[in-house]
Amino acid sequence: MSNFFSRLFGKTEDVTSAFFWANKILELQKENRELRTLIVELEQRVDKKIDKIQPVIYNIHNKQNDT
């Protein structure tokens, strides 16, 4: 009877179970997709910020020709 309640309410994970590992793989795949999405969004934000940077314009002239 106590075994029934421990299985019902307790979260004991059987690491030898194929279902445990299949579930773990699915969780990791989901996390991987989420991380990839976040990286793509971050790259897009960085690209937008880089595109907004104005190039530096130097006022260079030849002092020898200017008299």
PDB file of N, CA and C in Angstrom:
ATOM      1  N   MET A   1       0.823  -1.190   0.000  1.00  0.00           N
ATOM      2  CA  MET A   1       0.000   0.000   0.000  1.00  0.00           C
ATOM      3  C   MET A   1       0.873   1.262   0.000  1.00  0.00           C
ATOM      4  N   SER A   2       1.921   1.275   0.811  1.00  0.00           N
ATOM      5  CA  SER A   2       2.785   2.453   0.840  1.00  0.00           C
ATOM      6  C   SER A   2       3.509   2.625  -0.493  1.00  0.00           C
ATOM      7  N   ASN A   3       3.801   1.526  -1.183  1.00  0.00           N
ATOM      8  CA  ASN A   3       4.430   1.594  -2.496  1.00  0.00           C
ATOM      9  C   ASN A   3       3.491   2.288  -3.488  1.00  0.00           C
ATOM     10  N   PHE A   4       2.222   2.014  -3.389  1.00  0.00           N
ATOM     11  CA  PHE A   4       1.227   2.643  -4.256  1.00  0.00           C
ATOM     12  C   PHE A   4       1.216   4.157  -4.053  1.00  0.00           C
ATOM     13  N   PHE A   5       1.189   4.598  -2.788  1.00  0.00           N
ATOM     14  CA  PHE A   5       1.164   6.027  -2.509  1.00  0.00           C
ATOM     15  C   PHE A   5       2.483   6.699  -2.880  1.00  0.00           C
ATOM     16  N   SER A   6       3.577   6.010  -2.703  1.00  0.00           N
ATOM     17  CA  SER A   6       4.861   6.623  -3.074  1.00  0.00           C
ATOM     18  C   SER A   6       4.951   6.795  -4.583  1.00  0.00           C
ATOM     19  N   ARG A   7       4.376   5.864  -5.329  1.00  0.00           N
ATOM     20  CA  ARG A   7       4.370   6.025  -6.787  1.00  0.00           C
ATOM     21  C   ARG A   7       3.378   7.093  -7.227  1.00  0.00           C
ATOM     22  N   LEU A   8       2.275   7.181  -6.492  1.00  0.00           N
ATOM     23  CA  LEU A   8       1.244   8.137  -6.858  1.00  0.00           C
ATOM     24  C   LEU A   8       1.651   9.567  -6.538  1.00  0.00           C
ATOM     25  N   PHE A   9       2.214   9.782  -5.358  1.00  0.00           N
ATOM     26  CA  PHE A   9       2.528  11.136  -4.905  1.00  0.00           C
ATOM     27  C   PHE A   9       4.015  11.460  -4.946  1.00  0.00           C
ATOM     28  N   GLY A  10       4.845  10.499  -4.798  1.00  0.00           N
ATOM     29  CA  GLY A  10       6.289  10.739  -4.800  1.00  0.00           C
ATOM     30  C   GLY A  10       6.825  10.718  -6.205  1.00  0.00           C
ATOM     31  N   LYS A  11       7.802  11.542  -6.436  1.00  0.00           N
ATOM     32  CA  LYS A  11       8.402  11.588  -7.771  1.00  0.00           C
ATOM     33  C   LYS A  11       9.731  10.850  -7.736  1.00  0.00           C
ATOM     34  N   THR A  12       9.657   9.556  -7.766  1.00  0.00           N
ATOM     35  CA  THR A  12      10.872   8.750  -7.836  1.00  0.00           C
ATOM     36  C   THR A  12      11.106   8.407  -9.294  1.00  0.00           C
ATOM     37  N   GLU A  13      12.255   8.749  -9.786  1.00  0.00           N
ATOM     38  CA  GLU A  13      12.567   8.528 -11.186  1.00  0.00           C
ATOM     39  C   GLU A  13      13.402   7.268 -11.332  1.00  0.00           C
ATOM     40  N   ASP A  14      12.951   6.421 -12.218  1.00  0.00           N
ATOM     41  CA  ASP A  14      13.662   5.187 -12.499  1.00  0.00           C
ATOM     42  C   ASP A  14      14.587   5.449 -13.689  1.00  0.00           C
ATOM     43  N   VAL A  15      15.863   5.645 -13.390  1.00  0.00           N
ATOM     44  CA  VAL A  15      16.803   6.003 -14.446  1.00  0.00           C
ATOM     45  C   VAL A  15      17.108   4.835 -15.379  1.00  0.00           C
ATOM     46  N   THR A  16      16.669   3.647 -15.036  1.00  0.00           N
ATOM     47  CA  THR A  16      16.874   2.501 -15.918  1.00  0.00           C
ATOM     48  C   THR A  16      15.731   2.352 -16.910  1.00  0.00           C
ATOM     49  N   SER A  17      14.684   3.142 -16.745  1.00  0.00           N
ATOM     50  CA  SER A  17      13.516   3.047 -17.619  1.00  0.00           C
ATOM     51  C   SER A  17      13.779   3.742 -18.948  1.00  0.00           C
ATOM     52  N   ALA A  18      13.353   3.106 -20.019  1.00  0.00           N
ATOM     53  CA  ALA A  18      13.490   3.694 -21.341  1.00  0.00           C
ATOM     54  C   ALA A  18      12.582   4.920 -21.471  1.00  0.00           C
ATOM     55  N   PHE A  19      11.444   4.898 -20.794  1.00  0.00           N
ATOM     56  CA  PHE A  19      10.533   6.036 -20.847  1.00  0.00           C
ATOM     57  C   PHE A  19      11.142   7.266 -20.181  1.00  0.00           C
ATOM     58  N   PHE A  20      11.880   7.053 -19.112  1.00  0.00           N
ATOM     59  CA  PHE A  20      12.550   8.162 -18.444  1.00  0.00           C
ATOM     60  C   PHE A  20      13.528   8.832 -19.394  1.00  0.00           C
ATOM     61  N   TRP A  21      14.340   8.035 -20.067  1.00  0.00           N
ATOM     62  CA  TRP A  21      15.344   8.593 -20.971  1.00  0.00           C
ATOM     63  C   TRP A  21      14.712   9.204 -22.207  1.00  0.00           C
ATOM     64  N   ALA A  22      13.625   8.599 -22.712  1.00  0.00           N
ATOM     65  CA  ALA A  22      12.933   9.180 -23.861  1.00  0.00           C
ATOM     66  C   ALA A  22      12.344  10.538 -23.491  1.00  0.00           C
ATOM     67  N   ASN A  23      11.770  10.627 -22.304  1.00  0.00           N
ATOM     68  CA  ASN A  23      11.216  11.889 -21.834  1.00  0.00           C
ATOM     69  C   ASN A  23      12.323  12.921 -21.650  1.00  0.00           C
ATOM     70  N   LYS A  24      13.449  12.493 -21.107  1.00  0.00           N
ATOM     71  CA  LYS A  24      14.579  13.397 -20.904  1.00  0.00           C
ATOM     72  C   LYS A  24      15.098  13.925 -22.250  1.00  0.00           C
ATOM     73  N   ILE A  25      15.159  13.058 -23.255  1.00  0.00           N
ATOM     74  CA  ILE A  25      15.607  13.466 -24.593  1.00  0.00           C
ATOM     75  C   ILE A  25      14.644  14.491 -25.179  1.00  0.00           C
ATOM     76  N   LEU A  26      13.338  14.256 -25.021  1.00  0.00           N
ATOM     77  CA  LEU A  26      12.352  15.207 -25.527  1.00  0.00           C
ATOM     78  C   LEU A  26      12.468  16.556 -24.830  1.00  0.00           C
ATOM     79  N   GLU A  27      12.702  16.537 -23.524  1.00  0.00           N
ATOM     80  CA  GLU A  27      12.883  17.790 -22.786  1.00  0.00           C
ATOM     81  C   GLU A  27      14.121  18.546 -23.275  1.00  0.00           C
ATOM     82  N   LEU A  28      15.204  17.822 -23.491  1.00  0.00           N
ATOM     83  CA  LEU A  28      16.439  18.444 -23.950  1.00  0.00           C
ATOM     84  C   LEU A  28      16.294  18.991 -25.374  1.00  0.00           C
ATOM     85  N   GLN A  29      15.565  18.269 -26.222  1.00  0.00           N
ATOM     86  CA  GLN A  29      15.325  18.759 -27.578  1.00  0.00           C
ATOM     87  C   GLN A  29      14.504  20.043 -27.553  1.00  0.00           C
ATOM     88  N   LYS A  30      13.503  20.090 -26.680  1.00  0.00           N
ATOM     89  CA  LYS A  30      12.682  21.295 -26.557  1.00  0.00           C
ATOM     90  C   LYS A  30      13.534  22.463 -26.065  1.00  0.00           C
ATOM     91  N   GLU A  31      14.359  22.212 -25.065  1.00  0.00           N
ATOM     92  CA  GLU A  31      15.233  23.253 -24.539  1.00  0.00           C
ATOM     93  C   GLU A  31      16.222  23.720 -25.603  1.00  0.00           C
ATOM     94  N   ASN A  32      16.720  22.791 -26.400  1.00  0.00           N
ATOM     95  CA  ASN A  32      17.659  23.117 -27.473  1.00  0.00           C
ATOM     96  C   ASN A  32      16.992  24.027 -28.500  1.00  0.00           C
ATOM     97  N   ARG A  33      15.748  23.702 -28.889  1.00  0.00           N
ATOM     98  CA  ARG A  33      15.020  24.544 -29.840  1.00  0.00           C
ATOM     99  C   ARG A  33      14.808  25.945 -29.272  1.00  0.00           C
ATOM    100  N   GLU A  34      14.445  26.021 -28.003  1.00  0.00           N
ATOM    101  CA  GLU A  34      14.223  27.324 -27.378  1.00  0.00           C
ATOM    102  C   GLU A  34      15.512  28.141 -27.352  1.00  0.00           C
ATOM    103  N   LEU A  35      16.620  27.498 -27.027  1.00  0.00           N
ATOM    104  CA  LEU A  35      17.901  28.207 -26.993  1.00  0.00           C
ATOM    105  C   LEU A  35      18.319  28.674 -28.383  1.00  0.00           C
ATOM    106  N   ARG A  36      18.093  27.838 -29.388  1.00  0.00           N
ATOM    107  CA  ARG A  36      18.419  28.240 -30.758  1.00  0.00           C
ATOM    108  C   ARG A  36      17.587  29.436 -31.192  1.00  0.00           C
ATOM    109  N   THR A  37      16.309  29.430 -30.818  1.00  0.00           N
ATOM    110  CA  THR A  37      15.434  30.556 -31.140  1.00  0.00           C
ATOM    111  C   THR A  37      15.927  31.824 -30.464  1.00  0.00           C
ATOM    112  N   LEU A  38      16.319  31.719 -29.202  1.00  0.00           N
ATOM    113  CA  LEU A  38      16.835  32.883 -28.494  1.00  0.00           C
ATOM    114  C   LEU A  38      18.116  33.408 -29.124  1.00  0.00           C
ATOM    115  N   ILE A  39      18.971  32.515 -29.568  1.00  0.00           N
ATOM    116  CA  ILE A  39      20.218  32.932 -30.208  1.00  0.00           C
ATOM    117  C   ILE A  39      19.938  33.652 -31.514  1.00  0.00           C
ATOM    118  N   VAL A  40      18.993  33.144 -32.302  1.00  0.00           N
ATOM    119  CA  VAL A  40      18.642  33.795 -33.565  1.00  0.00           C
ATOM    120  C   VAL A  40      18.079  35.189 -33.298  1.00  0.00           C
ATOM    121  N   GLU A  41      17.203  35.306 -32.295  1.00  0.00           N
ATOM    122  CA  GLU A  41      16.644  36.615 -31.953  1.00  0.00           C
ATOM    123  C   GLU A  41      17.736  37.574 -31.489  1.00  0.00           C
ATOM    124  N   LEU A  42      18.673  37.074 -30.711  1.00  0.00           N
ATOM    125  CA  LEU A  42      19.787  37.904 -30.248  1.00  0.00           C
ATOM    126  C   LEU A  42      20.645  38.370 -31.423  1.00  0.00           C
ATOM    127  N   GLU A  43      20.931  37.472 -32.349  1.00  0.00           N
ATOM    128  CA  GLU A  43      21.715  37.842 -33.531  1.00  0.00           C
ATOM    129  C   GLU A  43      21.000  38.917 -34.341  1.00  0.00           C
ATOM    130  N   GLN A  44      19.691  38.802 -34.473  1.00  0.00           N
ATOM    131  CA  GLN A  44      18.936  39.797 -35.229  1.00  0.00           C
ATOM    132  C   GLN A  44      18.976  41.155 -34.543  1.00  0.00           C
ATOM    133  N   ARG A  45      18.855  41.160 -33.214  1.00  0.00           N
ATOM    134  CA  ARG A  45      18.925  42.435 -32.490  1.00  0.00           C
ATOM    135  C   ARG A  45      20.297  43.065 -32.617  1.00  0.00           C
ATOM    136  N   VAL A  46      21.347  42.264 -32.531  1.00  0.00           N
ATOM    137  CA  VAL A  46      22.710  42.788 -32.661  1.00  0.00           C
ATOM    138  C   VAL A  46      22.930  43.317 -34.078  1.00  0.00           C
ATOM    139  N   ASP A  47      22.443  42.594 -35.079  1.00  0.00           N
ATOM    140  CA  ASP A  47      22.582  43.065 -36.464  1.00  0.00           C
ATOM    141  C   ASP A  47      21.878  44.398 -36.664  1.00  0.00           C
ATOM    142  N   LYS A  48      20.693  44.565 -36.085  1.00  0.00           N
ATOM    143  CA  LYS A  48      19.971  45.835 -36.206  1.00  0.00           C
ATOM    144  C   LYS A  48      20.749  46.964 -35.548  1.00  0.00           C
ATOM    145  N   LYS A  49      21.340  46.689 -34.389  1.00  0.00           N
ATOM    146  CA  LYS A  49      22.121  47.722 -33.710  1.00  0.00           C
ATOM    147  C   LYS A  49      23.382  48.064 -34.497  1.00  0.00           C
ATOM    148  N   ILE A  50      24.001  47.079 -35.092  1.00  0.00           N
ATOM    149  CA  ILE A  50      25.190  47.317 -35.898  1.00  0.00           C
ATOM    150  C   ILE A  50      24.833  48.147 -37.128  1.00  0.00           C
ATOM    151  N   ASP A  51      23.685  47.850 -37.730  1.00  0.00           N
ATOM    152  CA  ASP A  51      23.265  48.600 -38.912  1.00  0.00           C
ATOM    153  C   ASP A  51      22.984  50.063 -38.585  1.00  0.00           C
ATOM    154  N   LYS A  52      22.623  50.363 -37.356  1.00  0.00           N
ATOM    155  CA  LYS A  52      22.326  51.741 -36.963  1.00  0.00           C
ATOM    156  C   LYS A  52      23.584  52.566 -36.708  1.00  0.00           C
ATOM    157  N   ILE A  53      24.717  51.922 -36.588  1.00  0.00           N
ATOM    158  CA  ILE A  53      25.963  52.635 -36.319  1.00  0.00           C
ATOM    159  C   ILE A  53      26.361  53.425 -37.558  1.00  0.00           C
ATOM    160  N   GLN A  54      26.596  54.714 -37.371  1.00  0.00           N
ATOM    161  CA  GLN A  54      26.999  55.583 -38.464  1.00  0.00           C
ATOM    162  C   GLN A  54      28.514  55.493 -38.641  1.00  0.00           C
ATOM    163  N   PRO A  55      28.962  55.447 -39.873  1.00  0.00           N
ATOM    164  CA  PRO A  55      30.420  55.391 -40.084  1.00  0.00           C
ATOM    165  C   PRO A  55      31.065  56.712 -39.681  1.00  0.00           C
ATOM    166  N   VAL A  56      32.295  56.612 -39.291  1.00  0.00           N
ATOM    167  CA  VAL A  56      33.054  57.791 -38.896  1.00  0.00           C
ATOM    168  C   VAL A  56      33.536  58.491 -40.156  1.00  0.00           C
ATOM    169  N   ILE A  57      33.324  59.804 -40.192  1.00  0.00           N
ATOM    170  CA  ILE A  57      33.791  60.608 -41.335  1.00  0.00           C
ATOM    171  C   ILE A  57      34.908  61.507 -40.829  1.00  0.00           C
ATOM    172  N   TYR A  58      36.064  61.296 -41.389  1.00  0.00           N
ATOM    173  CA  TYR A  58      37.225  62.084 -40.993  1.00  0.00           C
ATOM    174  C   TYR A  58      37.376  63.283 -41.929  1.00  0.00           C
ATOM    175  N   ASN A  59      37.713  64.391 -41.347  1.00  0.00           N
ATOM    176  CA  ASN A  59      37.956  65.590 -42.128  1.00  0.00           C
ATOM    177  C   ASN A  59      39.462  65.687 -42.377  1.00  0.00           C
ATOM    178  N   ILE A  60      39.895  64.966 -43.370  1.00  0.00           N
ATOM    179  CA  ILE A  60      41.323  64.905 -43.675  1.00  0.00           C
ATOM    180  C   ILE A  60      41.585  65.748 -44.921  1.00  0.00           C
ATOM    181  N   HIS A  61      42.565  66.596 -44.821  1.00  0.00           N
ATOM    182  CA  HIS A  61      42.955  67.373 -45.985  1.00  0.00           C
ATOM    183  C   HIS A  61      44.482  67.497 -45.993  1.00  0.00           C
ATOM    184  N   ASN A  62      44.967  67.837 -47.118  1.00  0.00           N
ATOM    185  CA  ASN A  62      46.399  67.942 -47.304  1.00  0.00           C
ATOM    186  C   ASN A  62      46.853  69.339 -46.872  1.00  0.00           C
ATOM    187  N   LYS A  63      47.612  69.408 -45.805  1.00  0.00           N
ATOM    188  CA  LYS A  63      48.035  70.701 -45.256  1.00  0.00           C
ATOM    189  C   LYS A  63      49.105  71.354 -46.127  1.00  0.00           C
ATOM    190  N   GLN A  64      49.831  70.590 -46.879  1.00  0.00           N
ATOM    191  CA  GLN A  64      50.878  71.179 -47.707  1.00  0.00           C
ATOM    192  C   GLN A  64      50.268  71.975 -48.857  1.00  0.00           C
ATOM    193  N   ASN A  65      49.158  71.543 -49.390  1.00  0.00           N
ATOM    194  CA  ASN A  65      48.536  72.257 -50.508  1.00  0.00           C
ATOM    195  C   ASN A  65      47.699  73.432 -50.039  1.00  0.00           C
ATOM    196  N   ASP A  66      47.279  73.428 -48.778  1.00  0.00           N
ATOM    197  CA  ASP A  66      46.487  74.535 -48.236  1.00  0.00           C
ATOM    198  C   ASP A  66      47.442  75.619 -47.741  1.00  0.00           C
ATOM    199  N   THR A  67      47.424  76.746 -48.335  1.00  0.00           N
ATOM    200  CA  THR A  67      48.294  77.817 -47.898  1.00  0.00           C
ATOM    201  C   THR A  67      47.533  79.009 -47.420  1.00  0.00           C
TER     202      THR A  67
END
